[in-house]
Amino acid sequence: SGARGSSGAGARGGGAGASASSPLYAIFCGSVKSVVSAPGAKPSATIQPFTHLHLNIHDDRIMSVDAALKHNLESELVEYTPDGSSASTTAKKTTCLHHLPEVLVLHLMRFEHLGGAAAKIGKRVAFGTELQLRRPVLGDDAPNCRGGGADYRLVATVSHHGRNAAGGHYTADALQPDGRWLRFNDAHVDQLSTELVLAEKPYLLFYQRVHASGC
């Protein structure tokens, strides 16, 4: 029945593989809400859990994490068959963040599969030490955010070094409790500045929620 039963973030949100009662679920699991609205029909809402958000960055206009979030969660027109109808119609589907996780994991999709081969997207996608989630990326009815927005701070990144998905090398940068950044490169651990962390081209970003009154 058209778009019913599938959230538009299906390709954008990673499945919530952990059990709902597990510590991993409590830390990493959030949800996105998709609403399909058609003239003369009751809106159809779908809520889908995720443990990480896949962000397509292939578009040349996407040069920042904020732009990637807006692009991947923007409204779109879909073919939809309302309940009780045999005819499909054009409907508007809006997708937004619903339940917010304690740690938001963003997966920048740096590999594009073309003709059976995976080509790496090496462009810089700007990101910061802080991430502010506001409408329309954040839904009006987010159950664990009553203040109209949510703030996150960057706590870790993972980068792939190499030209293709078949090989390469991985490094991780992690924020320490004392405010220092450390880079983990196999057996080597080095301290580095925040500026060097932000100069990388990571494919995984880990943001921890900063709680304030009302949110």
N, C-alpha and C. Protein backbone atom coordinates (compact mmCIF):
# COMPACT_ATOMS: atom_id res chain seq x y z
N SER A 1 0.84 -1.19 0.00
CA SER A 1 0.00 0.00 0.00
C SER A 1 0.87 1.24 0.00
N GLY A 2 1.55 1.46 -1.10
CA GLY A 2 2.33 2.67 -1.24
C GLY A 2 3.44 2.72 -0.23
N ALA A 3 3.52 3.86 0.49
CA ALA A 3 4.61 4.09 1.43
C ALA A 3 4.31 3.52 2.80
N ARG A 4 3.12 3.01 3.00
CA ARG A 4 2.74 2.52 4.32
C ARG A 4 3.66 1.39 4.75
N GLY A 5 4.00 1.45 6.05
CA GLY A 5 4.80 0.38 6.63
C GLY A 5 6.28 0.56 6.45
N SER A 6 6.72 1.60 5.72
CA SER A 6 8.15 1.81 5.55
C SER A 6 8.48 3.24 5.91
N SER A 7 9.45 3.42 6.78
CA SER A 7 9.88 4.76 7.13
C SER A 7 10.88 5.24 6.10
N GLY A 8 10.79 6.52 5.74
CA GLY A 8 11.74 7.08 4.79
C GLY A 8 13.15 7.02 5.30
N ALA A 9 13.31 6.87 6.60
CA ALA A 9 14.65 6.78 7.16
C ALA A 9 15.15 5.35 7.17
N GLY A 10 14.41 4.45 6.51
CA GLY A 10 14.86 3.07 6.47
C GLY A 10 16.26 2.95 5.90
N ALA A 11 16.53 3.70 4.85
CA ALA A 11 17.86 3.69 4.26
C ALA A 11 18.80 4.64 4.96
N ARG A 12 18.26 5.40 5.91
CA ARG A 12 19.06 6.40 6.57
C ARG A 12 19.36 6.04 8.01
N GLY A 13 18.62 5.11 8.58
CA GLY A 13 18.83 4.75 9.98
C GLY A 13 19.29 3.32 10.11
N GLY A 14 20.30 3.08 10.92
CA GLY A 14 20.77 1.72 11.14
C GLY A 14 19.83 0.97 12.05
N GLY A 15 19.65 -0.31 11.83
CA GLY A 15 18.76 -1.10 12.64
C GLY A 15 19.18 -1.15 14.08
N ALA A 16 18.21 -1.25 14.98
CA ALA A 16 18.50 -1.29 16.41
C ALA A 16 18.73 -2.72 16.82
N GLY A 17 19.91 -3.24 16.52
CA GLY A 17 20.19 -4.65 16.72
C GLY A 17 20.22 -5.08 18.17
N ALA A 18 20.52 -4.17 19.09
CA ALA A 18 20.61 -4.54 20.49
C ALA A 18 19.23 -4.75 21.11
N SER A 19 19.17 -5.59 22.13
CA SER A 19 17.92 -5.81 22.84
C SER A 19 17.47 -4.52 23.51
N ALA A 20 16.14 -4.34 23.59
CA ALA A 20 15.59 -3.12 24.17
C ALA A 20 15.96 -2.95 25.64
N SER A 21 16.40 -4.02 26.29
CA SER A 21 16.75 -3.94 27.71
C SER A 21 18.25 -3.86 27.93
N SER A 22 19.03 -3.81 26.86
CA SER A 22 20.48 -3.85 27.00
C SER A 22 21.05 -2.45 27.22
N PRO A 23 22.23 -2.36 27.85
CA PRO A 23 22.89 -1.05 28.01
C PRO A 23 23.18 -0.37 26.68
N LEU A 24 23.55 -1.15 25.65
CA LEU A 24 23.82 -0.57 24.34
C LEU A 24 22.58 0.12 23.77
N TYR A 25 21.44 -0.52 23.96
CA TYR A 25 20.19 0.05 23.48
C TYR A 25 19.92 1.38 24.19
N ALA A 26 20.13 1.39 25.51
CA ALA A 26 19.86 2.60 26.29
C ALA A 26 20.75 3.76 25.88
N ILE A 27 21.97 3.46 25.44
CA ILE A 27 22.92 4.50 25.09
C ILE A 27 22.76 4.97 23.66
N PHE A 28 22.64 4.04 22.72
CA PHE A 28 22.75 4.38 21.31
C PHE A 28 21.43 4.42 20.54
N CYS A 29 20.37 3.90 21.09
CA CYS A 29 19.14 3.76 20.30
C CYS A 29 18.28 5.02 20.35
N GLY A 30 17.92 5.50 19.17
CA GLY A 30 16.95 6.57 19.01
C GLY A 30 15.91 6.13 18.00
N SER A 31 15.11 7.06 17.53
CA SER A 31 14.12 6.71 16.51
C SER A 31 13.84 7.90 15.61
N VAL A 32 13.41 7.59 14.40
CA VAL A 32 12.94 8.59 13.47
C VAL A 32 11.46 8.37 13.22
N LYS A 33 10.76 9.45 12.95
CA LYS A 33 9.32 9.38 12.70
C LYS A 33 9.04 9.90 11.29
N SER A 34 8.32 9.09 10.52
CA SER A 34 7.91 9.48 9.18
C SER A 34 6.40 9.62 9.15
N VAL A 35 5.92 10.70 8.57
CA VAL A 35 4.49 10.94 8.45
C VAL A 35 4.16 11.16 6.98
N VAL A 36 3.22 10.36 6.47
CA VAL A 36 2.76 10.49 5.08
C VAL A 36 1.39 11.16 5.10
N SER A 37 1.28 12.29 4.40
CA SER A 37 0.03 13.07 4.38
C SER A 37 -0.47 13.18 2.95
N ALA A 38 -1.72 12.78 2.76
CA ALA A 38 -2.36 12.86 1.44
C ALA A 38 -3.68 13.60 1.58
N PRO A 39 -4.08 14.34 0.56
CA PRO A 39 -5.36 15.08 0.62
C PRO A 39 -6.54 14.15 0.90
N GLY A 40 -7.34 14.52 1.88
CA GLY A 40 -8.54 13.75 2.20
C GLY A 40 -8.29 12.47 2.96
N ALA A 41 -7.07 12.20 3.40
CA ALA A 41 -6.75 10.97 4.12
C ALA A 41 -6.11 11.30 5.46
N LYS A 42 -6.30 10.41 6.41
CA LYS A 42 -5.69 10.58 7.73
C LYS A 42 -4.18 10.36 7.61
N PRO A 43 -3.37 11.23 8.19
CA PRO A 43 -1.91 11.04 8.11
C PRO A 43 -1.49 9.69 8.67
N SER A 44 -0.52 9.07 8.03
CA SER A 44 0.00 7.78 8.46
C SER A 44 1.41 7.97 9.01
N ALA A 45 1.61 7.58 10.28
CA ALA A 45 2.90 7.78 10.95
C ALA A 45 3.59 6.44 11.19
N THR A 46 4.90 6.42 11.00
CA THR A 46 5.73 5.25 11.26
C THR A 46 6.93 5.68 12.08
N ILE A 47 7.19 4.96 13.16
CA ILE A 47 8.36 5.23 13.99
C ILE A 47 9.33 4.06 13.86
N GLN A 48 10.57 4.36 13.50
CA GLN A 48 11.58 3.33 13.26
C GLN A 48 12.80 3.59 14.13
N PRO A 49 13.23 2.57 14.89
CA PRO A 49 14.41 2.75 15.75
C PRO A 49 15.70 2.71 14.93
N PHE A 50 16.74 3.30 15.48
CA PHE A 50 18.07 3.24 14.85
C PHE A 50 19.13 3.24 15.94
N THR A 51 20.29 2.71 15.63
CA THR A 51 21.45 2.82 16.51
C THR A 51 22.51 3.73 15.89
N HIS A 52 22.38 4.03 14.60
CA HIS A 52 23.23 5.00 13.93
C HIS A 52 22.47 5.51 12.71
N LEU A 53 22.74 6.74 12.34
CA LEU A 53 22.08 7.32 11.18
C LEU A 53 23.03 7.32 9.99
N HIS A 54 22.58 6.72 8.89
CA HIS A 54 23.33 6.76 7.65
C HIS A 54 23.05 8.10 6.95
N LEU A 55 24.09 8.87 6.69
CA LEU A 55 23.92 10.16 6.03
C LEU A 55 24.58 10.11 4.66
N ASN A 56 23.74 10.21 3.63
CA ASN A 56 24.24 10.24 2.25
C ASN A 56 24.91 11.59 2.01
N ILE A 57 26.18 11.58 1.61
CA ILE A 57 26.91 12.82 1.37
C ILE A 57 27.34 12.94 -0.09
N HIS A 58 26.74 12.15 -0.97
CA HIS A 58 27.15 12.12 -2.37
C HIS A 58 26.88 13.45 -3.09
N ASP A 59 25.81 14.12 -2.71
CA ASP A 59 25.43 15.38 -3.36
C ASP A 59 26.54 16.42 -3.15
N ASP A 60 26.95 17.09 -4.24
CA ASP A 60 28.02 18.07 -4.14
C ASP A 60 27.66 19.25 -3.24
N ARG A 61 26.37 19.45 -3.01
CA ARG A 61 25.96 20.58 -2.17
C ARG A 61 26.12 20.28 -0.68
N ILE A 62 26.33 19.02 -0.33
CA ILE A 62 26.46 18.65 1.08
C ILE A 62 27.92 18.80 1.48
N MET A 63 28.19 19.86 2.24
CA MET A 63 29.56 20.14 2.65
C MET A 63 29.71 20.21 4.17
N SER A 64 28.65 19.87 4.90
CA SER A 64 28.71 19.89 6.36
C SER A 64 27.76 18.84 6.92
N VAL A 65 27.97 18.49 8.17
CA VAL A 65 27.09 17.53 8.84
C VAL A 65 25.69 18.11 8.97
N ASP A 66 25.58 19.40 9.27
CA ASP A 66 24.26 20.02 9.37
C ASP A 66 23.51 19.91 8.05
N ALA A 67 24.21 20.16 6.94
CA ALA A 67 23.57 20.05 5.62
C ALA A 67 23.18 18.61 5.32
N ALA A 68 24.00 17.65 5.74
CA ALA A 68 23.70 16.24 5.51
C ALA A 68 22.45 15.82 6.28
N LEU A 69 22.33 16.27 7.52
CA LEU A 69 21.15 15.94 8.31
C LEU A 69 19.89 16.51 7.66
N LYS A 70 19.94 17.76 7.24
CA LYS A 70 18.76 18.38 6.63
C LYS A 70 18.41 17.69 5.32
N HIS A 71 19.45 17.33 4.52
CA HIS A 71 19.21 16.69 3.23
C HIS A 71 18.58 15.31 3.41
N ASN A 72 19.08 14.55 4.37
CA ASN A 72 18.61 13.17 4.55
C ASN A 72 17.27 13.09 5.29
N LEU A 73 16.86 14.19 5.91
CA LEU A 73 15.59 14.18 6.64
C LEU A 73 14.59 15.16 6.03
N GLU A 74 14.83 15.62 4.81
CA GLU A 74 13.92 16.58 4.19
C GLU A 74 12.66 15.91 3.67
N SER A 75 11.63 16.72 3.46
CA SER A 75 10.36 16.21 2.94
C SER A 75 10.51 15.75 1.50
N GLU A 76 9.66 14.80 1.10
CA GLU A 76 9.68 14.30 -0.27
C GLU A 76 8.28 13.89 -0.68
N LEU A 77 8.05 13.83 -1.98
CA LEU A 77 6.77 13.40 -2.53
C LEU A 77 6.86 11.91 -2.86
N VAL A 78 5.82 11.15 -2.47
CA VAL A 78 5.80 9.71 -2.69
C VAL A 78 4.43 9.30 -3.23
N GLU A 79 4.41 8.14 -3.87
CA GLU A 79 3.13 7.55 -4.27
C GLU A 79 2.58 6.78 -3.09
N TYR A 80 1.29 6.97 -2.80
CA TYR A 80 0.72 6.43 -1.56
C TYR A 80 -0.72 6.00 -1.81
N THR A 81 -1.09 4.85 -1.25
CA THR A 81 -2.46 4.35 -1.33
C THR A 81 -3.07 4.39 0.06
N PRO A 82 -3.97 5.33 0.35
CA PRO A 82 -4.58 5.42 1.68
C PRO A 82 -5.41 4.19 2.02
N ASP A 83 -5.59 3.93 3.30
CA ASP A 83 -6.45 2.83 3.75
C ASP A 83 -7.86 3.02 3.18
N GLY A 84 -8.43 1.92 2.72
CA GLY A 84 -9.79 1.96 2.19
C GLY A 84 -9.90 2.46 0.77
N SER A 85 -8.74 2.68 0.14
CA SER A 85 -8.75 3.17 -1.24
C SER A 85 -7.96 2.21 -2.11
N SER A 86 -8.37 2.10 -3.35
CA SER A 86 -7.65 1.25 -4.30
C SER A 86 -6.79 2.08 -5.25
N ALA A 87 -6.90 3.38 -5.13
CA ALA A 87 -6.17 4.26 -6.04
C ALA A 87 -5.02 4.94 -5.30
N SER A 88 -3.88 4.99 -5.95
CA SER A 88 -2.74 5.68 -5.35
C SER A 88 -2.79 7.16 -5.66
N THR A 89 -2.15 7.94 -4.83
CA THR A 89 -2.11 9.38 -5.00
C THR A 89 -0.73 9.89 -4.60
N THR A 90 -0.45 11.11 -4.95
CA THR A 90 0.82 11.71 -4.54
C THR A 90 0.68 12.28 -3.14
N ALA A 91 1.57 11.91 -2.27
CA ALA A 91 1.51 12.35 -0.88
C ALA A 91 2.84 12.95 -0.47
N LYS A 92 2.81 13.70 0.60
CA LYS A 92 4.03 14.31 1.14
C LYS A 92 4.49 13.50 2.35
N LYS A 93 5.75 13.12 2.33
CA LYS A 93 6.32 12.39 3.45
C LYS A 93 7.37 13.25 4.14
N THR A 94 7.18 13.45 5.43
CA THR A 94 8.16 14.19 6.23
C THR A 94 8.80 13.23 7.23
N THR A 95 10.10 13.37 7.41
CA THR A 95 10.85 12.51 8.32
C THR A 95 11.67 13.38 9.26
N CYS A 96 11.66 13.04 10.54
CA CYS A 96 12.40 13.82 11.51
C CYS A 96 12.87 12.92 12.64
N LEU A 97 13.81 13.43 13.41
CA LEU A 97 14.26 12.70 14.60
C LEU A 97 13.15 12.73 15.64
N HIS A 98 12.93 11.60 16.29
CA HIS A 98 11.83 11.50 17.26
C HIS A 98 12.39 11.29 18.67
N HIS A 99 12.75 10.07 19.01
CA HIS A 99 13.39 9.81 20.29
C HIS A 99 14.89 10.00 20.13
N LEU A 100 15.48 10.80 21.01
CA LEU A 100 16.90 11.12 20.88
C LEU A 100 17.76 10.20 21.73
N PRO A 101 18.84 9.66 21.17
CA PRO A 101 19.71 8.78 21.94
C PRO A 101 20.67 9.58 22.82
N GLU A 102 21.23 8.91 23.81
CA GLU A 102 22.25 9.56 24.65
C GLU A 102 23.51 9.80 23.84
N VAL A 103 23.87 8.85 22.99
CA VAL A 103 25.00 9.03 22.08
C VAL A 103 24.49 8.86 20.66
N LEU A 104 24.61 9.91 19.88
CA LEU A 104 24.15 9.91 18.49
C LEU A 104 25.33 9.56 17.60
N VAL A 105 25.20 8.46 16.85
CA VAL A 105 26.26 8.02 15.95
C VAL A 105 25.84 8.36 14.51
N LEU A 106 26.66 9.17 13.86
CA LEU A 106 26.40 9.57 12.48
C LEU A 106 27.38 8.86 11.56
N HIS A 107 26.85 8.15 10.58
CA HIS A 107 27.67 7.43 9.61
C HIS A 107 27.66 8.20 8.29
N LEU A 108 28.77 8.84 7.97
CA LEU A 108 28.89 9.53 6.69
C LEU A 108 29.24 8.50 5.62
N MET A 109 28.36 8.36 4.66
CA MET A 109 28.50 7.31 3.65
C MET A 109 29.55 7.71 2.62
N ARG A 110 30.79 7.34 2.88
CA ARG A 110 31.92 7.76 2.05
C ARG A 110 32.21 6.81 0.90
N PHE A 111 31.45 5.74 0.77
CA PHE A 111 31.67 4.82 -0.35
C PHE A 111 30.43 4.76 -1.22
N GLU A 112 30.64 4.96 -2.51
CA GLU A 112 29.57 4.94 -3.49
C GLU A 112 29.81 3.77 -4.43
N HIS A 113 28.83 2.87 -4.53
CA HIS A 113 28.99 1.67 -5.35
C HIS A 113 28.57 1.95 -6.79
N LEU A 114 29.54 1.88 -7.69
CA LEU A 114 29.31 2.16 -9.11
C LEU A 114 29.86 1.01 -9.94
N GLY A 115 28.98 0.34 -10.67
CA GLY A 115 29.41 -0.74 -11.55
C GLY A 115 30.12 -1.87 -10.85
N GLY A 116 29.67 -2.17 -9.65
CA GLY A 116 30.26 -3.27 -8.89
C GLY A 116 31.48 -2.90 -8.08
N ALA A 117 31.96 -1.67 -8.23
CA ALA A 117 33.12 -1.22 -7.47
C ALA A 117 32.70 -0.12 -6.50
N ALA A 118 33.41 -0.03 -5.39
CA ALA A 118 33.11 0.98 -4.38
C ALA A 118 34.12 2.12 -4.50
N ALA A 119 33.63 3.29 -4.87
CA ALA A 119 34.49 4.47 -4.99
C ALA A 119 34.37 5.30 -3.73
N LYS A 120 35.51 5.72 -3.20
CA LYS A 120 35.51 6.50 -1.96
C LYS A 120 35.26 7.97 -2.25
N ILE A 121 34.42 8.58 -1.41
CA ILE A 121 34.15 10.01 -1.49
C ILE A 121 35.08 10.70 -0.49
N GLY A 122 36.09 11.37 -1.00
CA GLY A 122 37.13 11.91 -0.14
C GLY A 122 36.96 13.37 0.23
N LYS A 123 35.82 13.96 -0.12
CA LYS A 123 35.64 15.39 0.16
C LYS A 123 35.53 15.64 1.66
N ARG A 124 35.84 16.85 2.04
CA ARG A 124 35.70 17.24 3.42
C ARG A 124 34.25 17.58 3.73
N VAL A 125 33.75 17.04 4.80
CA VAL A 125 32.41 17.36 5.30
C VAL A 125 32.60 18.00 6.67
N ALA A 126 32.35 19.28 6.77
CA ALA A 126 32.64 20.02 7.99
C ALA A 126 31.79 19.53 9.16
N PHE A 127 32.41 19.41 10.32
CA PHE A 127 31.70 19.05 11.54
C PHE A 127 32.36 19.81 12.68
N GLY A 128 31.64 19.95 13.78
CA GLY A 128 32.15 20.72 14.89
C GLY A 128 32.17 19.94 16.18
N THR A 129 32.69 20.55 17.21
CA THR A 129 32.72 19.92 18.53
C THR A 129 31.34 19.95 19.18
N GLU A 130 30.45 20.76 18.64
CA GLU A 130 29.07 20.83 19.14
C GLU A 130 28.10 20.60 17.99
N LEU A 131 26.99 19.98 18.31
CA LEU A 131 25.92 19.73 17.33
C LEU A 131 24.60 20.12 17.97
N GLN A 132 23.90 21.02 17.32
CA GLN A 132 22.60 21.47 17.82
C GLN A 132 21.50 20.90 16.93
N LEU A 133 20.56 20.21 17.54
CA LEU A 133 19.44 19.65 16.80
C LEU A 133 18.21 20.52 17.05
N ARG A 134 17.67 21.05 15.99
CA ARG A 134 16.51 21.92 16.06
C ARG A 134 15.53 21.50 14.97
N ARG A 135 14.34 22.09 14.99
CA ARG A 135 13.38 21.83 13.94
C ARG A 135 13.89 22.44 12.63
N PRO A 136 13.63 21.83 11.46
CA PRO A 136 12.74 20.68 11.25
C PRO A 136 13.42 19.32 11.38
N VAL A 137 14.74 19.28 11.63
CA VAL A 137 15.40 17.99 11.80
C VAL A 137 14.83 17.25 13.01
N LEU A 138 14.52 17.99 14.06
CA LEU A 138 13.94 17.43 15.28
C LEU A 138 12.43 17.63 15.25
N GLY A 139 11.69 16.56 15.52
CA GLY A 139 10.24 16.64 15.47
C GLY A 139 9.63 17.46 16.59
N ASP A 140 8.43 17.99 16.33
CA ASP A 140 7.73 18.79 17.34
C ASP A 140 7.36 17.98 18.57
N ASP A 141 7.16 16.68 18.39
CA ASP A 141 6.66 15.83 19.48
C ASP A 141 7.74 14.88 20.00
N ALA A 142 9.00 15.25 19.90
CA ALA A 142 10.06 14.39 20.42
C ALA A 142 9.81 14.13 21.91
N PRO A 143 9.64 12.86 22.31
CA PRO A 143 9.19 12.56 23.68
C PRO A 143 10.20 12.88 24.76
N ASN A 144 11.48 12.87 24.45
CA ASN A 144 12.48 13.14 25.50
C ASN A 144 13.21 14.45 25.26
N CYS A 145 12.48 15.40 24.69
CA CYS A 145 13.02 16.76 24.52
C CYS A 145 11.86 17.74 24.51
N ARG A 146 11.66 18.41 25.62
CA ARG A 146 10.52 19.33 25.74
C ARG A 146 10.92 20.79 25.50
N GLY A 147 12.20 21.04 25.31
CA GLY A 147 12.64 22.42 25.18
C GLY A 147 12.78 22.92 23.77
N GLY A 148 12.37 22.14 22.78
CA GLY A 148 12.43 22.59 21.40
C GLY A 148 13.75 22.36 20.71
N GLY A 149 14.71 21.75 21.39
CA GLY A 149 16.00 21.48 20.78
C GLY A 149 16.85 20.61 21.69
N ALA A 150 17.95 20.14 21.16
CA ALA A 150 18.88 19.30 21.93
C ALA A 150 20.30 19.60 21.49
N ASP A 151 21.21 19.57 22.45
CA ASP A 151 22.62 19.85 22.19
C ASP A 151 23.46 18.61 22.44
N TYR A 152 24.45 18.43 21.57
CA TYR A 152 25.37 17.30 21.67
C TYR A 152 26.81 17.82 21.59
N ARG A 153 27.75 17.07 22.16
CA ARG A 153 29.17 17.40 22.02
C ARG A 153 29.90 16.22 21.41
N LEU A 154 30.88 16.52 20.58
CA LEU A 154 31.66 15.49 19.91
C LEU A 154 32.56 14.78 20.92
N VAL A 155 32.51 13.43 20.94
CA VAL A 155 33.34 12.67 21.87
C VAL A 155 34.26 11.68 21.17
N ALA A 156 34.00 11.37 19.88
CA ALA A 156 34.87 10.42 19.18
C ALA A 156 34.60 10.47 17.68
N THR A 157 35.63 10.10 16.92
CA THR A 157 35.49 9.95 15.47
C THR A 157 36.27 8.71 15.04
N VAL A 158 35.88 8.14 13.92
CA VAL A 158 36.61 7.03 13.31
C VAL A 158 36.85 7.38 11.85
N SER A 159 38.10 7.24 11.40
CA SER A 159 38.46 7.59 10.03
C SER A 159 39.05 6.39 9.30
N HIS A 160 38.75 6.32 8.01
CA HIS A 160 39.31 5.30 7.14
C HIS A 160 40.36 5.95 6.26
N HIS A 161 41.54 5.36 6.21
CA HIS A 161 42.62 5.87 5.38
C HIS A 161 42.90 4.85 4.27
N GLY A 162 42.69 5.26 3.05
CA GLY A 162 42.84 4.36 1.91
C GLY A 162 41.90 4.79 0.80
N ARG A 163 42.12 4.24 -0.39
CA ARG A 163 41.36 4.67 -1.55
C ARG A 163 40.08 3.90 -1.77
N ASN A 164 39.98 2.67 -1.26
CA ASN A 164 38.79 1.88 -1.53
C ASN A 164 38.39 1.07 -0.31
N ALA A 165 37.21 0.47 -0.42
CA ALA A 165 36.64 -0.26 0.71
C ALA A 165 37.31 -1.61 0.93
N ALA A 166 38.06 -2.09 -0.05
CA ALA A 166 38.68 -3.41 0.07
C ALA A 166 39.89 -3.41 0.99
N GLY A 167 40.43 -2.26 1.28
CA GLY A 167 41.61 -2.20 2.13
C GLY A 167 41.70 -0.86 2.81
N GLY A 168 42.83 -0.63 3.46
CA GLY A 168 43.01 0.64 4.12
C GLY A 168 43.33 0.48 5.58
N HIS A 169 43.27 1.57 6.29
CA HIS A 169 43.69 1.62 7.68
C HIS A 169 42.70 2.50 8.45
N TYR A 170 42.48 2.17 9.71
CA TYR A 170 41.52 2.90 10.52
C TYR A 170 42.20 3.54 11.72
N THR A 171 41.80 4.76 12.04
CA THR A 171 42.24 5.42 13.26
C THR A 171 41.01 5.97 13.98
N ALA A 172 41.14 6.15 15.29
CA ALA A 172 40.04 6.69 16.10
C ALA A 172 40.56 7.81 16.98
N ASP A 173 39.83 8.90 17.04
CA ASP A 173 40.13 10.00 17.94
C ASP A 173 39.07 10.01 19.03
N ALA A 174 39.50 10.15 20.28
CA ALA A 174 38.57 10.07 21.40
C ALA A 174 38.85 11.17 22.42
N LEU A 175 37.79 11.82 22.86
CA LEU A 175 37.89 12.86 23.88
C LEU A 175 38.00 12.22 25.26
N GLN A 176 38.98 12.67 26.04
CA GLN A 176 39.22 12.14 27.37
C GLN A 176 38.49 12.98 28.43
N PRO A 177 38.27 12.41 29.62
CA PRO A 177 37.57 13.16 30.68
C PRO A 177 38.24 14.48 31.05
N ASP A 178 39.56 14.56 30.87
CA ASP A 178 40.26 15.80 31.20
C ASP A 178 40.29 16.80 30.05
N GLY A 179 39.57 16.50 28.96
CA GLY A 179 39.47 17.43 27.84
C GLY A 179 40.49 17.23 26.74
N ARG A 180 41.45 16.33 26.93
CA ARG A 180 42.44 16.06 25.89
C ARG A 180 41.86 15.14 24.82
N TRP A 181 42.36 15.30 23.60
CA TRP A 181 42.02 14.38 22.52
C TRP A 181 43.18 13.42 22.31
N LEU A 182 42.88 12.14 22.19
CA LEU A 182 43.89 11.13 21.91
C LEU A 182 43.56 10.43 20.60
N ARG A 183 44.59 10.16 19.80
CA ARG A 183 44.41 9.41 18.55
C ARG A 183 44.94 8.00 18.74
N PHE A 184 44.10 7.02 18.45
CA PHE A 184 44.45 5.61 18.56
C PHE A 184 44.74 5.08 17.17
N ASN A 185 46.00 4.73 16.94
CA ASN A 185 46.49 4.28 15.64
C ASN A 185 47.27 2.99 15.85
N ASP A 186 46.55 1.87 15.77
CA ASP A 186 47.14 0.56 16.12
C ASP A 186 47.71 0.64 17.54
N ALA A 187 49.00 0.36 17.69
CA ALA A 187 49.61 0.36 19.02
C ALA A 187 50.05 1.75 19.47
N HIS A 188 49.89 2.73 18.61
CA HIS A 188 50.34 4.08 18.92
C HIS A 188 49.18 4.93 19.42
N VAL A 189 49.40 5.64 20.50
CA VAL A 189 48.41 6.57 21.05
C VAL A 189 49.10 7.92 21.21
N ASP A 190 48.55 8.93 20.55
CA ASP A 190 49.15 10.26 20.57
C ASP A 190 48.11 11.30 20.95
N GLN A 191 48.58 12.33 21.66
CA GLN A 191 47.71 13.45 21.96
C GLN A 191 47.69 14.40 20.77
N LEU A 192 46.54 15.00 20.50
CA LEU A 192 46.43 15.94 19.39
C LEU A 192 45.47 17.05 19.74
N SER A 193 45.55 18.11 18.96
CA SER A 193 44.70 19.27 19.22
C SER A 193 43.30 19.06 18.66
N THR A 194 42.37 19.85 19.16
CA THR A 194 41.01 19.81 18.64
C THR A 194 41.00 20.17 17.16
N GLU A 195 41.86 21.11 16.77
CA GLU A 195 41.92 21.54 15.37
C GLU A 195 42.29 20.38 14.45
N LEU A 196 43.21 19.53 14.88
CA LEU A 196 43.59 18.37 14.06
C LEU A 196 42.46 17.35 13.99
N VAL A 197 41.72 17.20 15.05
CA VAL A 197 40.56 16.30 15.04
C VAL A 197 39.55 16.77 13.99
N LEU A 198 39.27 18.07 13.99
CA LEU A 198 38.27 18.62 13.08
C LEU A 198 38.76 18.71 11.64
N ALA A 199 40.07 18.55 11.43
CA ALA A 199 40.63 18.59 10.08
C ALA A 199 40.56 17.24 9.38
N GLU A 200 40.20 16.18 10.12
CA GLU A 200 40.11 14.84 9.54
C GLU A 200 38.87 14.71 8.64
N LYS A 201 38.82 13.59 7.93
CA LYS A 201 37.66 13.27 7.09
C LYS A 201 37.07 11.95 7.57
N PRO A 202 36.47 11.95 8.76
CA PRO A 202 35.97 10.70 9.34
C PRO A 202 34.72 10.19 8.64
N TYR A 203 34.42 8.92 8.90
CA TYR A 203 33.15 8.39 8.40
C TYR A 203 32.20 8.04 9.53
N LEU A 204 32.69 8.05 10.76
CA LEU A 204 31.82 7.87 11.93
C LEU A 204 32.06 9.02 12.90
N LEU A 205 30.97 9.61 13.37
CA LEU A 205 31.02 10.68 14.36
C LEU A 205 30.16 10.28 15.55
N PHE A 206 30.70 10.41 16.74
CA PHE A 206 29.98 10.08 17.97
C PHE A 206 29.73 11.36 18.76
N TYR A 207 28.46 11.69 18.94
CA TYR A 207 28.08 12.89 19.70
C TYR A 207 27.31 12.47 20.95
N GLN A 208 27.76 12.98 22.11
CA GLN A 208 27.10 12.68 23.38
C GLN A 208 26.19 13.84 23.75
N ARG A 209 25.03 13.50 24.25
CA ARG A 209 24.04 14.51 24.57
C ARG A 209 24.44 15.33 25.79
N VAL A 210 24.21 16.63 25.70
CA VAL A 210 24.44 17.54 26.82
C VAL A 210 23.06 17.94 27.33
N HIS A 211 22.75 17.54 28.55
CA HIS A 211 21.40 17.78 29.07
C HIS A 211 21.30 19.15 29.72
N ALA A 212 20.19 19.81 29.46
CA ALA A 212 19.89 21.09 30.07
C ALA A 212 18.45 21.05 30.58
N SER A 213 18.04 22.07 31.26
CA SER A 213 16.69 22.10 31.82
C SER A 213 15.67 22.01 30.71
N GLY A 214 14.70 21.11 30.87
CA GLY A 214 13.61 20.96 29.91
C GLY A 214 13.92 20.07 28.75
N CYS A 215 15.13 19.51 28.70
CA CYS A 215 15.48 18.70 27.56
C CYS A 215 16.34 17.52 27.96
